[in-house]
Amino acid sequence: MTWHAKDLIGLENLTRENIENILETADSFKEISSRAVKKVPALRGKTIVNLFFEPSTRTKTSFELAAKRLSADVLSFEVATSSISKGETIVDTAQNIEAMKVDCFVVRHSVSGAPELISRNVSSAVINAGDGCHEHPTQALLDLFTVKEALGRIEGIKIAIIGDILHSRVARSNIWGFSKLGAKVYACGPPTIVPAQLDRMGAVITYDIKEALQDADVVYILRLQKERQKENFLSSLKEYSMYYGIDGIKYGMIKKGAVIMHPGPMNRGVEIKSEIAEKENALILDQVTNGIAVRMSVLYLTTGSIK
């Protein structure tokens, strides 16, 4: 059964079948980006609004390209020049924009729950493009798509997610997504930035990088999110890099055929050495490419006239 919903707030409440349907739809959209004319009329007449209250390069650009390739009109909302700066609430802002007869909001916000709050107060579709430390569902979906494309399966693989998991919405969405599709998920990093409750989400927690990397099919490296750290969780970046950064020595622990991933932006020389990011088995740019097809799928399934 095809998945249709008004909103995509997270992967926590999606079933395995829901996720697989989104990925299958993305697969059918991927070849559009390789055409001479990169457009289909699937969302012609629809208006997508990018409501980004945090800086973004990849996600915002990817959603904008995805909407345009579906022939939708796109409005990118600039918070700095909006009435938000005058004290207007995000709900008032969304409702005022919706009054202009738009069809979908793509929301990024530093506060967990902001996209859900907007979704409860508008009739338009709402897609979460990352909220606080909660979820980033389309990033996880594009990661699932990329792994399935590279390895041919997700069921039964081992993925090691390494780094600042405490502050990572990407990690949470990936734990939900990969677990639901049958992967074994390991969460690894210093104890101060690996929450103990992750085991309730289906992850195996380890502070030992060797254990995490052993037999891993996917090594997923997270950025240290200093901008979200309200206190000092690490003694130093140098020490973190020494124990958990993927350098030549740790790369040597990775089994043949494994792939390396990173959601970006990368802190080169901290969580990953530049030469590792350029390896043939690094799928970092593939993730960016696949993000367009996955976001086309999500926009189509939430906003399209097929509902």
Protein backbone atom coordinates (compact mmCIF):
# COMPACT_ATOMS: atom_id res chain seq x y z
CA MET A 1 0.00 0.00 0.00
CA THR A 2 1.37 3.40 -0.96
CA TRP A 3 2.28 5.69 1.94
CA HIS A 4 0.52 9.05 1.94
CA ALA A 5 0.43 11.45 4.87
CA LYS A 6 -0.16 15.13 5.49
CA ASP A 7 3.18 15.49 7.25
CA LEU A 8 6.59 13.92 7.74
CA ILE A 9 7.77 14.86 11.23
CA GLY A 10 10.03 11.88 11.97
CA LEU A 11 10.76 8.22 11.31
CA GLU A 12 9.88 7.10 14.83
CA ASN A 13 6.20 6.67 13.93
CA LEU A 14 6.66 5.24 10.43
CA THR A 15 6.48 1.53 9.73
CA ARG A 16 9.04 -0.43 7.76
CA GLU A 17 6.55 -0.53 4.87
CA ASN A 18 6.13 3.26 4.99
CA ILE A 19 9.89 3.80 4.76
CA GLU A 20 10.33 1.26 1.98
CA ASN A 21 7.56 2.92 -0.03
CA ILE A 22 9.26 6.34 0.26
CA LEU A 23 12.55 4.80 -0.90
CA GLU A 24 10.88 3.01 -3.83
CA THR A 25 9.27 6.27 -4.93
CA ALA A 26 12.64 8.03 -4.65
CA ASP A 27 14.18 5.37 -6.87
CA SER A 28 11.63 6.15 -9.58
CA PHE A 29 12.49 9.87 -9.33
CA LYS A 30 16.29 9.56 -9.36
CA GLU A 31 16.73 9.28 -13.12
CA ILE A 32 14.97 12.64 -13.63
CA SER A 33 18.09 14.44 -12.38
CA SER A 34 20.15 12.86 -15.16
CA ARG A 35 17.86 14.04 -17.96
CA ALA A 36 18.62 16.97 -20.24
CA VAL A 37 15.40 18.59 -18.98
CA LYS A 38 15.31 17.86 -15.25
CA LYS A 39 11.57 18.35 -14.69
CA VAL A 40 8.31 16.46 -14.36
CA PRO A 41 4.89 18.08 -13.81
CA ALA A 42 4.00 16.09 -10.67
CA LEU A 43 3.57 19.17 -8.43
CA ARG A 44 2.69 21.76 -11.06
CA GLY A 45 0.54 24.46 -9.45
CA LYS A 46 1.70 23.63 -5.92
CA THR A 47 3.65 26.07 -3.73
CA ILE A 48 6.36 24.87 -1.34
CA VAL A 49 7.62 27.21 1.40
CA ASN A 50 11.07 26.73 2.93
CA LEU A 51 10.78 27.94 6.54
CA PHE A 52 14.38 27.73 7.74
CA PHE A 53 15.07 29.24 11.15
CA GLU A 54 18.61 27.80 11.16
CA PRO A 55 21.43 28.06 8.61
CA SER A 56 21.51 25.32 5.98
CA THR A 57 23.27 24.67 2.69
CA ARG A 58 22.64 21.08 1.60
CA THR A 59 19.15 20.55 3.00
CA LYS A 60 17.68 23.87 1.90
CA THR A 61 19.20 23.70 -1.58
CA SER A 62 18.18 20.06 -1.94
CA PHE A 63 14.55 20.74 -1.03
CA GLU A 64 14.45 23.73 -3.37
CA LEU A 65 15.84 21.70 -6.29
CA ALA A 66 13.51 18.78 -5.48
CA ALA A 67 10.46 21.05 -5.54
CA LYS A 68 11.52 22.74 -8.79
CA ARG A 69 12.17 19.39 -10.49
CA LEU A 70 8.59 18.47 -9.61
CA SER A 71 7.50 21.80 -11.23
CA ALA A 72 6.34 23.36 -7.94
CA ASP A 73 6.74 27.03 -7.11
CA VAL A 74 9.18 27.64 -4.24
CA LEU A 75 9.30 30.42 -1.67
CA SER A 76 12.38 30.58 0.57
CA PHE A 77 11.60 32.43 3.78
CA GLU A 78 14.32 34.67 5.23
CA VAL A 79 13.93 34.80 9.02
CA ALA A 80 16.29 37.73 9.53
CA THR A 81 14.06 40.03 7.44
CA SER A 82 10.72 38.62 8.62
CA SER A 83 8.22 39.59 11.29
CA ILE A 84 9.76 36.88 13.53
CA SER A 85 12.43 39.47 14.29
CA LYS A 86 9.60 41.77 15.51
CA GLY A 87 8.20 39.19 17.91
CA GLU A 88 5.71 37.28 15.75
CA THR A 89 5.31 33.60 16.73
CA ILE A 90 6.20 30.81 14.34
CA VAL A 91 2.55 29.69 14.34
CA ASP A 92 1.34 33.18 13.38
CA THR A 93 4.00 33.32 10.67
CA ALA A 94 2.96 29.94 9.24
CA GLN A 95 -0.74 30.77 9.37
CA ASN A 96 -0.20 34.10 7.61
CA ILE A 97 1.82 32.45 4.86
CA GLU A 98 -0.78 29.68 4.56
CA ALA A 99 -3.44 32.37 4.03
CA MET A 100 -1.66 33.05 0.73
CA LYS A 101 -2.78 29.55 -0.38
CA VAL A 102 0.48 27.60 -0.15
CA ASP A 103 0.56 23.81 -0.03
CA CYS A 104 3.58 22.70 1.99
CA PHE A 105 5.99 23.99 4.63
CA VAL A 106 9.52 22.58 4.88
CA VAL A 107 10.61 23.54 8.40
CA ARG A 108 14.01 23.66 10.06
CA HIS A 109 14.22 25.00 13.62
CA SER A 110 16.65 24.92 16.54
CA VAL A 111 13.85 23.89 18.93
CA SER A 112 12.71 20.27 19.01
CA GLY A 113 9.00 20.01 18.24
CA ALA A 114 8.68 23.23 16.20
CA PRO A 115 7.62 21.47 12.94
CA GLU A 116 5.02 19.42 14.83
CA LEU A 117 3.68 22.59 16.47
CA ILE A 118 3.27 24.19 13.05
CA SER A 119 1.67 21.02 11.64
CA ARG A 120 -1.02 21.10 14.34
CA ASN A 121 -1.94 24.67 13.39
CA VAL A 122 -2.00 24.57 9.58
CA SER A 123 -3.82 22.41 7.04
CA SER A 124 -0.87 22.46 4.61
CA ALA A 125 1.65 19.62 4.56
CA VAL A 126 4.62 20.01 6.92
CA ILE A 127 7.98 18.30 6.39
CA ASN A 128 10.58 18.36 9.13
CA ALA A 129 13.96 19.46 7.75
CA GLY A 130 15.61 19.11 11.17
CA ASP A 131 14.37 20.22 14.60
CA GLY A 132 16.70 20.71 17.53
CA CYS A 133 18.10 17.38 18.70
CA HIS A 134 14.90 15.52 17.78
CA GLU A 135 14.89 14.23 14.17
CA HIS A 136 16.02 14.91 10.61
CA PRO A 137 13.90 12.35 8.72
CA THR A 138 14.84 13.16 5.12
CA GLN A 139 18.55 12.90 5.94
CA ALA A 140 18.01 9.41 7.31
CA LEU A 141 15.88 8.47 4.31
CA LEU A 142 18.60 9.57 1.88
CA ASP A 143 21.14 7.66 3.96
CA LEU A 144 19.00 4.51 3.77
CA PHE A 145 18.61 5.02 0.02
CA THR A 146 22.38 5.46 -0.43
CA VAL A 147 23.26 2.35 1.60
CA LYS A 148 20.71 0.21 -0.23
CA GLU A 149 22.05 1.48 -3.56
CA ALA A 150 25.68 0.79 -2.58
CA LEU A 151 25.31 -2.52 -0.69
CA GLY A 152 22.12 -3.88 -2.20
CA ARG A 153 20.45 -4.39 1.18
CA ILE A 154 19.87 -2.99 4.64
CA GLU A 155 18.51 -6.09 6.36
CA GLY A 156 21.28 -7.72 8.40
CA ILE A 157 24.00 -5.12 7.92
CA LYS A 158 25.93 -3.47 10.75
CA ILE A 159 26.10 0.33 10.83
CA ALA A 160 28.42 2.10 13.28
CA ILE A 161 27.32 5.68 14.05
CA ILE A 162 30.27 7.50 15.57
CA GLY A 163 30.48 10.91 17.19
CA ASP A 164 28.29 13.53 18.86
CA ILE A 165 25.11 11.49 19.11
CA LEU A 166 23.76 13.49 22.07
CA HIS A 167 23.20 16.58 19.91
CA SER A 168 22.48 14.80 16.62
CA ARG A 169 18.99 14.72 15.14
CA VAL A 170 20.52 12.84 12.19
CA ALA A 171 21.67 10.03 14.50
CA ARG A 172 18.21 9.63 16.04
CA SER A 173 16.46 9.43 12.68
CA ASN A 174 19.07 6.98 11.41
CA ILE A 175 18.73 4.75 14.48
CA TRP A 176 14.96 4.59 13.93
CA GLY A 177 15.27 4.07 10.17
CA PHE A 178 18.06 1.50 10.03
CA SER A 179 16.62 -0.47 12.97
CA LYS A 180 13.17 -0.64 11.37
CA LEU A 181 14.70 -1.96 8.14
CA GLY A 182 16.57 -4.73 9.95
CA ALA A 183 20.09 -3.33 10.39
CA LYS A 184 22.15 -3.70 13.57
CA VAL A 185 22.98 -0.18 14.79
CA TYR A 186 25.99 0.59 16.99
CA ALA A 187 26.26 4.02 18.63
CA CYS A 188 29.82 4.97 19.56
CA GLY A 189 31.57 7.98 21.05
CA PRO A 190 32.74 9.40 24.38
CA PRO A 191 30.31 8.61 27.24
CA THR A 192 29.53 12.32 27.66
CA ILE A 193 27.96 12.54 24.17
CA VAL A 194 26.38 9.10 23.78
CA PRO A 195 23.02 9.00 25.64
CA ALA A 196 22.40 5.78 27.59
CA GLN A 197 18.72 5.65 26.53
CA LEU A 198 19.64 4.95 22.90
CA ASP A 199 19.33 1.24 23.63
CA ARG A 200 15.56 1.79 23.93
CA MET A 201 15.61 2.97 20.32
CA GLY A 202 17.28 -0.25 19.20
CA ALA A 203 20.96 0.79 19.23
CA VAL A 204 23.87 -1.06 20.81
CA ILE A 205 25.95 1.43 22.82
CA THR A 206 29.72 1.16 22.94
CA TYR A 207 32.49 3.59 23.86
CA ASP A 208 35.10 1.39 22.18
CA ILE A 209 35.84 2.48 18.61
CA LYS A 210 37.36 -0.92 17.78
CA GLU A 211 34.16 -2.71 18.76
CA ALA A 212 32.09 -0.28 16.71
CA LEU A 213 34.24 -0.65 13.59
CA GLN A 214 34.64 -4.43 13.78
CA ASP A 215 32.67 -6.03 10.92
CA ALA A 216 30.78 -2.78 10.26
CA ASP A 217 29.31 -2.51 6.76
CA VAL A 218 28.66 1.22 7.16
CA VAL A 219 30.80 3.66 9.13
CA TYR A 220 28.65 6.74 9.68
CA ILE A 221 30.61 9.70 11.03
CA LEU A 222 28.93 12.61 12.79
CA ARG A 223 30.11 16.18 13.12
CA LEU A 224 30.94 17.55 16.56
CA GLN A 225 28.15 20.09 17.00
CA LYS A 226 29.83 22.77 19.09
CA GLU A 227 27.00 25.23 18.33
CA ARG A 228 24.50 22.99 20.18
CA GLN A 229 26.76 22.14 23.12
CA LYS A 230 25.71 24.31 26.06
CA GLU A 231 28.53 22.97 28.21
CA ASN A 232 31.93 21.44 27.66
CA PHE A 233 31.47 17.72 26.91
CA LEU A 234 35.02 17.05 25.72
CA SER A 235 38.43 17.73 27.21
CA SER A 236 39.76 18.80 23.79
CA LEU A 237 39.16 18.38 20.06
CA LYS A 238 42.64 16.91 19.76
CA GLU A 239 41.86 14.17 22.26
CA TYR A 240 38.51 13.44 20.59
CA SER A 241 40.18 13.16 17.20
CA MET A 242 42.85 10.85 18.62
CA TYR A 243 40.34 8.38 20.06
CA TYR A 244 37.31 8.67 17.76
CA GLY A 245 38.38 10.50 14.60
CA ILE A 246 38.62 8.31 11.50
CA ASP A 247 42.27 8.48 10.46
CA GLY A 248 44.53 6.06 8.60
CA ILE A 249 44.90 3.72 11.58
CA LYS A 250 41.17 3.42 12.23
CA TYR A 251 40.48 3.17 8.51
CA GLY A 252 42.70 0.08 8.59
CA MET A 253 40.26 -1.49 11.08
CA ILE A 254 37.37 -1.20 8.62
CA LYS A 255 36.59 -4.35 6.68
CA LYS A 256 36.91 -4.54 2.93
CA GLY A 257 33.70 -3.58 1.17
CA ALA A 258 32.48 -1.26 3.94
CA VAL A 259 31.37 2.27 3.09
CA ILE A 260 31.97 5.59 4.84
CA MET A 261 29.27 8.24 5.25
CA HIS A 262 28.92 11.72 6.73
CA PRO A 263 25.86 14.01 6.71
CA GLY A 264 27.96 17.18 6.39
CA PRO A 265 29.28 19.68 6.93
CA MET A 266 32.56 17.93 7.77
CA ASN A 267 35.12 19.12 10.29
CA ARG A 268 38.06 17.79 8.31
CA GLY A 269 40.90 16.76 10.57
CA VAL A 270 38.61 16.38 13.60
CA GLU A 271 36.08 13.57 13.07
CA ILE A 272 37.52 12.54 9.70
CA LYS A 273 40.83 13.05 7.92
CA SER A 274 40.61 14.65 4.49
CA GLU A 275 42.27 11.68 2.78
CA ILE A 276 39.63 9.34 4.24
CA ALA A 277 36.79 11.56 3.01
CA GLU A 278 38.24 11.27 -0.51
CA LYS A 279 38.43 7.46 -0.50
CA GLU A 280 36.59 5.54 -3.22
CA ASN A 281 34.33 3.90 -0.64
CA ALA A 282 33.28 7.26 0.85
CA LEU A 283 29.69 7.96 -0.21
CA ILE A 284 29.49 11.54 1.07
CA LEU A 285 28.74 13.13 -2.32
CA ASP A 286 26.41 10.25 -3.23
CA GLN A 287 24.39 11.17 -0.14
CA VAL A 288 24.04 14.73 -1.43
CA THR A 289 23.00 13.53 -4.90
CA ASN A 290 20.44 11.09 -3.50
CA GLY A 291 18.97 13.76 -1.25
CA ILE A 292 17.20 15.34 -4.22
CA ALA A 293 15.42 12.11 -5.26
CA VAL A 294 14.42 11.32 -1.68
CA ARG A 295 13.06 14.82 -1.08
CA MET A 296 11.19 14.69 -4.38
CA SER A 297 9.60 11.48 -3.10
CA VAL A 298 8.59 13.02 0.25
CA LEU A 299 7.22 16.19 -1.36
CA TYR A 300 5.23 14.12 -3.86
CA LEU A 301 3.80 11.74 -1.27
CA THR A 302 2.76 14.49 1.17
CA THR A 303 1.79 17.31 -1.18
CA GLY A 304 0.88 15.67 -4.49
CA SER A 305 -2.61 15.61 -5.95
CA ILE A 306 -2.57 11.79 -5.84
CA LYS A 307 -4.01 11.84 -2.32
